[in-house]
Protein backbone atom coordinates (compact mmCIF):
# COMPACT_ATOMS: atom_id res chain seq x y z
CA UNK A 1 5.85 -18.67 39.18
CA UNK A 2 7.05 -16.02 36.82
CA UNK A 3 3.57 -15.73 35.04
CA UNK A 4 1.54 -15.80 37.89
CA UNK A 5 -1.96 -13.80 37.71
CA UNK A 6 -3.27 -14.05 41.12
CA UNK A 7 -4.14 -11.05 42.35
CA UNK A 8 -4.85 -9.15 39.67
CA UNK A 9 -7.83 -7.83 40.01
CA UNK A 10 -10.25 -5.63 37.93
CA UNK A 11 -12.34 -2.83 39.50
CA UNK A 12 -14.11 -1.66 36.25
CA UNK A 13 -14.78 -2.23 33.10
CA UNK A 14 -12.03 -0.78 31.49
CA UNK A 15 -9.82 -2.36 33.55
CA UNK A 16 -11.31 -5.69 32.61
CA UNK A 17 -11.74 -5.00 28.74
CA UNK A 18 -7.86 -4.29 28.35
CA UNK A 19 -6.35 -5.77 25.57
CA UNK A 20 -3.66 -6.93 27.34
CA UNK A 21 -5.12 -7.67 31.05
CA UNK A 22 -2.54 -8.79 32.53
CA UNK A 23 0.83 -7.35 34.14
CA UNK A 24 3.16 -9.30 32.47
CA UNK A 25 1.79 -9.38 28.92
CA UNK A 26 1.57 -5.62 29.57
CA UNK A 27 5.75 -5.46 30.42
CA UNK A 28 7.06 -7.64 27.64
CA UNK A 29 5.03 -5.66 25.23
CA UNK A 30 5.94 -2.46 26.08
CA UNK A 31 9.56 -3.67 26.32
CA UNK A 32 9.37 -5.01 22.68
CA UNK A 33 7.98 -1.79 21.49
CA UNK A 34 10.90 -0.18 23.01
CA UNK A 35 13.15 -2.62 21.70
CA UNK A 36 11.48 -2.15 18.04
CA UNK A 37 11.34 1.42 18.17
CA UNK A 38 14.91 2.29 19.48
CA UNK A 39 17.05 -0.84 20.26
CA UNK A 40 16.45 -2.32 16.35
CA UNK A 41 17.71 1.14 15.15
CA UNK A 42 20.27 1.53 16.95
CA UNK A 43 21.86 -1.82 17.35
CA UNK A 44 21.64 -2.65 13.80
CA UNK A 45 23.62 -0.37 11.37
CA UNK A 46 23.53 -3.20 7.98
CA UNK A 47 21.52 -2.22 5.70
CA UNK A 48 21.27 -6.05 4.64
CA UNK A 49 18.78 -6.81 7.61
CA UNK A 50 16.98 -4.71 6.97
CA UNK A 51 16.16 -5.23 3.50
CA UNK A 52 16.30 -8.95 3.26
CA UNK A 53 14.50 -9.43 7.21
CA UNK A 54 13.05 -6.56 9.15
CA UNK A 55 11.64 -4.56 6.46
CA UNK A 56 9.58 -7.92 4.67
CA UNK A 57 8.87 -9.57 8.29
CA UNK A 58 6.89 -6.36 9.02
CA UNK A 59 5.18 -5.86 5.64
CA UNK A 60 4.43 -9.57 5.25
CA UNK A 61 3.33 -9.91 8.62
CA UNK A 62 0.63 -6.74 8.02
CA UNK A 63 -0.65 -9.07 5.08
CA UNK A 64 -0.88 -11.97 6.73
CA UNK A 65 -2.78 -10.20 9.58
CA UNK A 66 -5.17 -8.76 7.07
CA UNK A 67 -5.72 -12.77 5.45
CA UNK A 68 -5.73 -14.06 9.32
CA UNK A 69 -9.00 -11.94 9.77
CA UNK A 70 -10.57 -13.76 6.61
CA UNK A 71 -9.40 -17.08 6.70
CA UNK A 72 -8.58 -17.72 10.83
CA UNK A 73 -11.16 -15.53 12.38
CA UNK A 74 -14.58 -15.33 9.72
CA UNK A 75 -13.32 -18.86 8.26
CA UNK A 76 -13.67 -17.77 4.45
CA UNK A 77 -10.74 -19.41 2.44
CA UNK A 78 -8.91 -17.45 0.24
CA UNK A 79 -6.64 -18.00 -2.45
CA UNK A 80 -6.22 -14.16 -4.73
CA UNK A 81 -4.42 -12.23 -1.30
CA UNK A 82 -1.69 -11.44 -4.16
CA UNK A 83 -4.11 -9.88 -6.87
CA UNK A 84 -5.50 -8.17 -3.58
CA UNK A 85 -1.70 -6.72 -2.40
CA UNK A 86 -1.62 -5.74 -6.39
CA UNK A 87 -4.33 -3.77 -6.56
CA UNK A 88 -3.30 -2.16 -3.04
CA UNK A 89 0.04 -1.29 -5.01
CA UNK A 90 -0.95 -0.32 -8.90
CA UNK A 91 -3.70 1.97 -7.01
CA UNK A 92 -1.48 3.69 -4.94
CA UNK A 93 1.33 4.20 -7.75
CA UNK A 94 -1.70 5.49 -10.11
CA UNK A 95 -2.45 7.65 -7.26
CA UNK A 96 0.96 9.07 -6.52
CA UNK A 97 1.89 9.48 -9.69
CA UNK A 98 -1.30 11.19 -11.61
CA UNK A 99 -2.13 13.77 -9.15
CA UNK A 100 0.36 16.07 -7.87
CA UNK A 101 1.18 16.68 -4.31
CA UNK A 102 -0.26 13.49 -3.51
CA UNK A 103 1.25 12.77 0.11
CA UNK A 104 2.78 9.27 0.01
CA UNK A 105 0.93 7.76 3.07
CA UNK A 106 -2.44 9.04 1.64
CA UNK A 107 -1.53 7.51 -1.33
CA UNK A 108 -0.90 4.31 0.17
CA UNK A 109 -4.09 4.10 2.27
CA UNK A 110 -6.23 5.05 -0.80
CA UNK A 111 -4.84 1.81 -2.23
CA UNK A 112 -5.72 0.06 0.74
CA UNK A 113 -9.29 1.89 -0.05
CA UNK A 114 -9.24 -0.06 -3.82
CA UNK A 115 -8.64 -2.80 -2.16
CA UNK A 116 -10.55 -3.51 0.03
CA UNK A 117 -13.27 -2.42 -2.62
CA UNK A 118 -11.99 -5.38 -5.15
CA UNK A 119 -12.09 -7.59 -2.48
CA UNK A 120 -15.94 -6.55 -1.11
CA UNK A 121 -16.80 -7.38 -5.04
CA UNK A 122 -15.07 -10.75 -5.40
CA UNK A 123 -16.16 -11.39 -1.80
CA UNK A 124 -20.04 -11.33 -3.10
CA UNK A 125 -19.46 -15.48 -4.16
CA UNK A 126 -19.01 -16.05 -0.35
CA UNK A 127 -22.43 -14.89 0.18
CA UNK A 128 -23.50 -18.41 -1.72
CA UNK A 129 -20.58 -21.16 -1.64
CA UNK A 130 -17.71 -21.83 0.89
CA UNK A 131 -15.56 -23.61 1.63
CA UNK A 132 -12.77 -25.50 -1.24
CA UNK A 133 -15.51 -23.40 -4.02
CA UNK A 134 -14.93 -20.10 -2.72
CA UNK A 135 -11.47 -20.73 -2.49
CA UNK A 136 -11.49 -21.29 -6.09
CA UNK A 137 -13.62 -18.11 -6.87
CA UNK A 138 -10.91 -16.12 -5.23
CA UNK A 139 -8.33 -17.71 -7.14
CA UNK A 140 -10.34 -16.36 -10.24
CA UNK A 141 -9.55 -12.96 -8.47
CA UNK A 142 -5.61 -13.81 -8.65
CA UNK A 143 -5.84 -14.52 -12.05
CA UNK A 144 -7.92 -11.86 -13.00
CA UNK A 145 -5.79 -8.80 -11.40
CA UNK A 146 -2.93 -10.76 -12.89
CA UNK A 147 -3.94 -10.53 -16.30
CA UNK A 148 -5.27 -6.72 -15.93
CA UNK A 149 -2.12 -5.30 -14.88
CA UNK A 150 -0.05 -7.25 -17.35
CA UNK A 151 -2.39 -6.36 -20.40
CA UNK A 152 -4.21 -2.71 -19.35
CA UNK A 153 -1.18 -0.56 -20.08
CA UNK A 154 -2.94 2.53 -18.43
CA UNK A 155 -2.46 0.25 -14.95
CA UNK A 156 1.48 0.95 -15.40
CA UNK A 157 1.27 4.09 -17.06
CA UNK A 158 1.65 3.30 -20.57
CA UNK A 159 5.05 1.39 -19.56
CA UNK A 160 5.90 -1.05 -22.49
CA UNK A 161 7.89 -3.45 -19.99
CA UNK A 162 4.90 -3.50 -17.13
CA UNK A 163 7.28 -2.93 -14.25
CA UNK A 164 6.91 0.40 -12.72
CA UNK A 165 9.47 2.75 -10.31
CA UNK A 166 8.62 5.03 -7.40
CA UNK A 167 10.55 7.74 -5.67
CA UNK A 168 11.01 10.57 -3.30
CA UNK A 169 9.50 9.10 -1.04
CA UNK A 170 8.29 11.65 1.88
CA UNK A 171 5.95 11.35 4.98
CA UNK A 172 4.93 15.03 6.13
CA UNK A 173 7.70 16.56 4.76
CA UNK A 174 10.31 13.95 5.92
CA UNK A 175 12.54 12.18 3.60
CA UNK A 176 12.25 8.14 3.70
CA UNK A 177 15.49 7.29 1.85
CA UNK A 178 17.43 5.02 4.75
CA UNK A 179 16.40 1.66 5.48
CA UNK A 180 16.48 2.45 8.83
CA UNK A 181 13.63 4.97 7.93
CA UNK A 182 11.57 2.54 5.87
CA UNK A 183 12.06 0.25 8.79
CA UNK A 184 10.42 2.62 11.24
CA UNK A 185 7.95 3.54 8.75
CA UNK A 186 6.77 -0.02 8.66
CA UNK A 187 6.47 -0.70 11.92
CA UNK A 188 4.21 2.15 13.01
CA UNK A 189 2.00 1.31 10.61
CA UNK A 190 1.96 -2.69 11.58
CA UNK A 191 1.87 -1.66 15.47
CA UNK A 192 -1.43 0.84 14.36
CA UNK A 193 -3.10 -1.63 12.41
CA UNK A 194 -2.38 -4.44 14.85
CA UNK A 195 -4.04 -2.70 17.59
CA UNK A 196 -6.90 -2.07 15.42
CA UNK A 197 -7.36 -5.89 14.21
CA UNK A 198 -6.82 -6.96 18.02
CA UNK A 199 -9.84 -4.41 18.54
CA UNK A 200 -11.90 -5.54 16.29
CA UNK A 201 -11.60 -9.32 16.82
CA UNK A 202 -12.39 -8.42 20.51
CA UNK A 203 -15.79 -6.91 19.51
CA UNK A 204 -19.14 -7.86 18.30
CA UNK A 205 -18.05 -7.85 14.64
CA UNK A 206 -15.06 -10.46 15.65
CA UNK A 207 -17.82 -12.26 17.52
CA UNK A 208 -19.97 -12.38 14.56
CA UNK A 209 -17.03 -13.49 12.16
CA UNK A 210 -16.04 -16.56 14.68
CA UNK A 211 -20.13 -17.09 15.17
CA UNK A 212 -19.80 -17.53 11.15
CA UNK A 213 -16.71 -19.07 11.10
CA UNK A 214 -17.92 -22.10 13.47
CA UNK A 215 -21.22 -22.44 11.70
CA UNK A 216 -23.09 -20.24 9.59
CA UNK A 217 -27.11 -21.70 9.85
CA UNK A 218 -26.43 -21.07 13.82
CA UNK A 219 -25.04 -17.89 13.19
CA UNK A 220 -27.73 -16.54 11.17
CA UNK A 221 -31.09 -18.38 13.47
CA UNK A 222 -29.97 -16.12 16.19
CA UNK A 223 -29.92 -12.87 14.41
CA UNK A 224 -26.22 -12.86 12.73
CA UNK A 225 -26.72 -11.28 9.39
CA UNK A 226 -23.87 -13.22 7.11
CA UNK A 227 -24.26 -10.82 4.53
CA UNK A 228 -22.56 -7.88 6.94
CA UNK A 229 -20.55 -10.34 8.82
CA UNK A 230 -18.68 -12.00 5.46
CA UNK A 231 -18.00 -8.68 3.59
CA UNK A 232 -16.97 -6.82 6.62
CA UNK A 233 -14.37 -9.40 6.81
CA UNK A 234 -13.33 -9.62 2.93
CA UNK A 235 -13.46 -5.52 3.24
CA UNK A 236 -11.15 -5.37 6.33
CA UNK A 237 -8.96 -7.77 4.78
CA UNK A 238 -8.57 -6.87 2.08
CA UNK A 239 -7.80 -3.25 3.19
CA UNK A 240 -4.84 -4.22 5.29
CA UNK A 241 -3.84 -6.60 2.99
CA UNK A 242 -4.17 -3.71 0.29
CA UNK A 243 -1.84 -1.56 2.29
CA UNK A 244 0.66 -3.96 2.80
CA UNK A 245 0.99 -4.45 -0.68
CA UNK A 246 1.37 -0.80 -1.09
CA UNK A 247 4.37 -0.57 1.04
CA UNK A 248 5.64 -4.06 -0.55
CA UNK A 249 6.01 -2.34 -4.07
CA UNK A 250 6.84 1.57 -2.55
CA UNK A 251 9.06 0.74 0.20
CA UNK A 252 10.61 -2.45 0.01
CA UNK A 253 11.07 -2.86 -3.74
CA UNK A 254 10.73 0.72 -5.27
CA UNK A 255 10.58 -1.00 -8.71
CA UNK A 256 8.14 -4.04 -8.91
CA UNK A 257 5.90 -5.77 -12.40
CA UNK A 258 2.82 -7.94 -11.71
CA UNK A 259 5.07 -11.06 -11.03
CA UNK A 260 5.51 -9.44 -7.52
CA UNK A 261 2.30 -9.95 -6.82
CA UNK A 262 1.26 -13.64 -8.37
CA UNK A 263 -0.17 -16.87 -7.14
CA UNK A 264 3.06 -17.59 -5.37
CA UNK A 265 2.47 -14.76 -2.72
CA UNK A 266 -1.35 -15.78 -2.10
CA UNK A 267 0.49 -19.26 -1.00
CA UNK A 268 3.01 -17.30 0.72
CA UNK A 269 0.60 -15.94 2.72
CA UNK A 270 -1.61 -19.18 3.36
CA UNK A 271 1.27 -20.51 4.27
CA UNK A 272 1.95 -18.29 7.01
CA UNK A 273 -1.03 -18.14 8.70
CA UNK A 274 -1.70 -22.05 8.62
CA UNK A 275 2.17 -22.36 10.53
CA UNK A 276 1.61 -19.23 12.65
CA UNK A 277 -1.74 -20.52 13.66
CA UNK A 278 -5.16 -19.71 12.37
CA UNK A 279 -7.31 -17.06 14.43
CA UNK A 280 -4.14 -15.42 16.17
CA UNK A 281 -3.18 -12.21 15.64
CA UNK A 282 0.08 -13.25 17.36
CA UNK A 283 0.16 -16.61 14.56
CA UNK A 284 0.20 -13.55 11.91
CA UNK A 285 3.88 -12.27 13.46
CA UNK A 286 5.26 -15.78 14.28
CA UNK A 287 4.45 -16.90 10.57
CA UNK A 288 5.47 -14.23 8.87
CA UNK A 289 8.91 -14.63 11.22
CA UNK A 290 9.39 -18.15 10.02
CA UNK A 291 8.69 -18.10 6.43
CA UNK A 292 10.59 -14.91 5.79
CA UNK A 293 13.92 -16.68 8.18
CA UNK A 294 13.78 -20.01 6.89
CA UNK A 295 14.90 -19.64 3.62
CA UNK A 296 17.53 -16.92 4.13
CA UNK A 297 18.92 -19.60 6.95
CA UNK A 298 17.85 -22.80 4.49
CA UNK A 299 20.76 -20.83 1.98
CA UNK A 300 23.33 -20.58 4.14
CA UNK A 301 22.84 -24.07 6.40
CA UNK A 302 22.11 -26.14 3.41
CA UNK A 303 25.45 -25.63 1.65
CA UNK A 304 27.20 -25.71 4.66
CA UNK A 305 25.53 -29.49 5.41
CA UNK A 306 26.45 -30.89 1.71
CA UNK A 307 30.39 -29.91 2.49
CA UNK A 308 30.31 -31.71 5.56
CA UNK A 309 28.90 -34.77 3.84
CA UNK A 310 30.68 -34.10 0.98
CA UNK A 311 27.96 -32.79 -1.28
CA UNK A 312 27.70 -30.21 -3.49
CA UNK A 313 24.54 -28.17 -2.88
CA UNK A 314 24.12 -25.60 -5.66
CA UNK A 315 21.19 -22.86 -5.87
CA UNK A 316 18.83 -24.63 -7.71
CA UNK A 317 18.93 -27.52 -5.17
CA UNK A 318 18.43 -24.96 -2.25
CA UNK A 319 15.45 -23.34 -3.77
CA UNK A 320 13.84 -27.03 -4.50
CA UNK A 321 14.25 -28.18 -0.80
CA UNK A 322 12.93 -24.66 0.87
CA UNK A 323 9.94 -25.68 -1.37
CA UNK A 324 9.73 -29.21 0.29
CA UNK A 325 10.77 -27.94 3.83
CA UNK A 326 7.65 -25.51 3.79
CA UNK A 327 5.14 -28.55 2.48
CA UNK A 328 6.32 -30.68 5.04
CA UNK A 329 6.29 -28.23 7.70
CA UNK A 330 2.98 -27.48 6.95
CA UNK A 331 1.63 -31.36 7.24
CA UNK A 332 3.61 -31.42 10.43
CA UNK A 333 2.20 -28.74 12.17
CA UNK A 334 -1.72 -29.60 10.50
CA UNK A 335 -1.07 -33.19 12.37
CA UNK A 336 0.82 -32.18 15.44
CA UNK A 337 -0.26 -28.72 16.12
CA UNK A 338 -3.13 -27.74 13.79
CA UNK A 339 -2.93 -24.38 15.67
CA UNK A 340 0.36 -23.75 14.85
CA UNK A 341 3.21 -21.49 15.90
CA UNK A 342 0.21 -19.36 18.16
CA UNK A 343 -0.92 -22.37 20.31
CA UNK A 344 2.47 -23.23 21.16
CA UNK A 345 3.27 -20.11 22.48
CA UNK A 346 -0.09 -19.94 24.48
CA UNK A 347 1.12 -23.76 25.93
CA UNK A 348 4.24 -22.27 26.99
CA UNK A 349 2.76 -19.30 28.66
CA UNK A 350 0.30 -21.95 30.84
CA UNK A 351 3.43 -23.40 32.02
CA UNK A 352 4.83 -20.49 33.34
CA UNK A 353 1.89 -20.01 35.19
CA UNK A 354 2.66 -23.00 37.16
CA UNK A 355 6.55 -23.37 37.24
CA UNK A 356 8.70 -24.56 39.14
CA UNK A 357 5.70 -26.72 40.23
CA UNK A 358 5.06 -29.56 38.02
CA UNK A 359 2.05 -30.31 36.38
């Protein structure tokens, strides 16, 4: 039994409240972190892997983590995630460009703060409406910020094309130039925010979010304040999404325009948490990995499969096939496993508890 937890007794409240109470989980997480922090920089030397897979995966994992807090844990549907990423990116850009000597990391975190303010503002309708009506309200936020960043030239530092760019990135005096350095920066921020999110959902705030998600009327009857619970979920979610948006602009793109945070980005993040698993920290990582790797796999595999059967598959057909496969996978997961890949992971751990004995 590789995953047995018999005999792992806790003798204190601190031990019982550990983030990873099972020894095998702690060992696995430490090995994974060691591989990500040490093994990947040593083994991966190609810039393409950093730029196309690793850095987008880390940043989108952070954005999916923030969205999962709002949708998965608090039950508030949002279609404006791309807008809050844009608020974080453009706020950080203006702070970085307009204030001399502004540290990049401080600008990124302040970008998350302004995204938090925007999230709380557009989260106010959640106090009166929910479900599809709330989704429409957050969709309005997406359209509003798309228009604002495209038409109000102050946000883009009076750029005629609407495109902005940043350079000379550094943290604490250390230049961030190579893809490996950008990867490590994103990884460290993701680890910090993942630990914060994990502890938040295990705290009384997280229990309030889940109570609101399951039955808001019953939650208010037992003393939970819906105003505080819903707006705090919007605030935490928008802050993480804003930081992810700033990283997406500063670290991944370097130069971007409002179309980089269009409604397609909002739907992409929503697909991530649906496929990965709503209400699961691990599901955010699974969904992000799936969405990032699948297009690259399809771009490589579909032309090869087409040549095997004598059919020419061009780039446009690959793009359309990608959308169709995404839609089919969402329908598949909603029917077969509504809790996504995270549920499959937990089922696998349950089976390992009894392996090699059948059950």
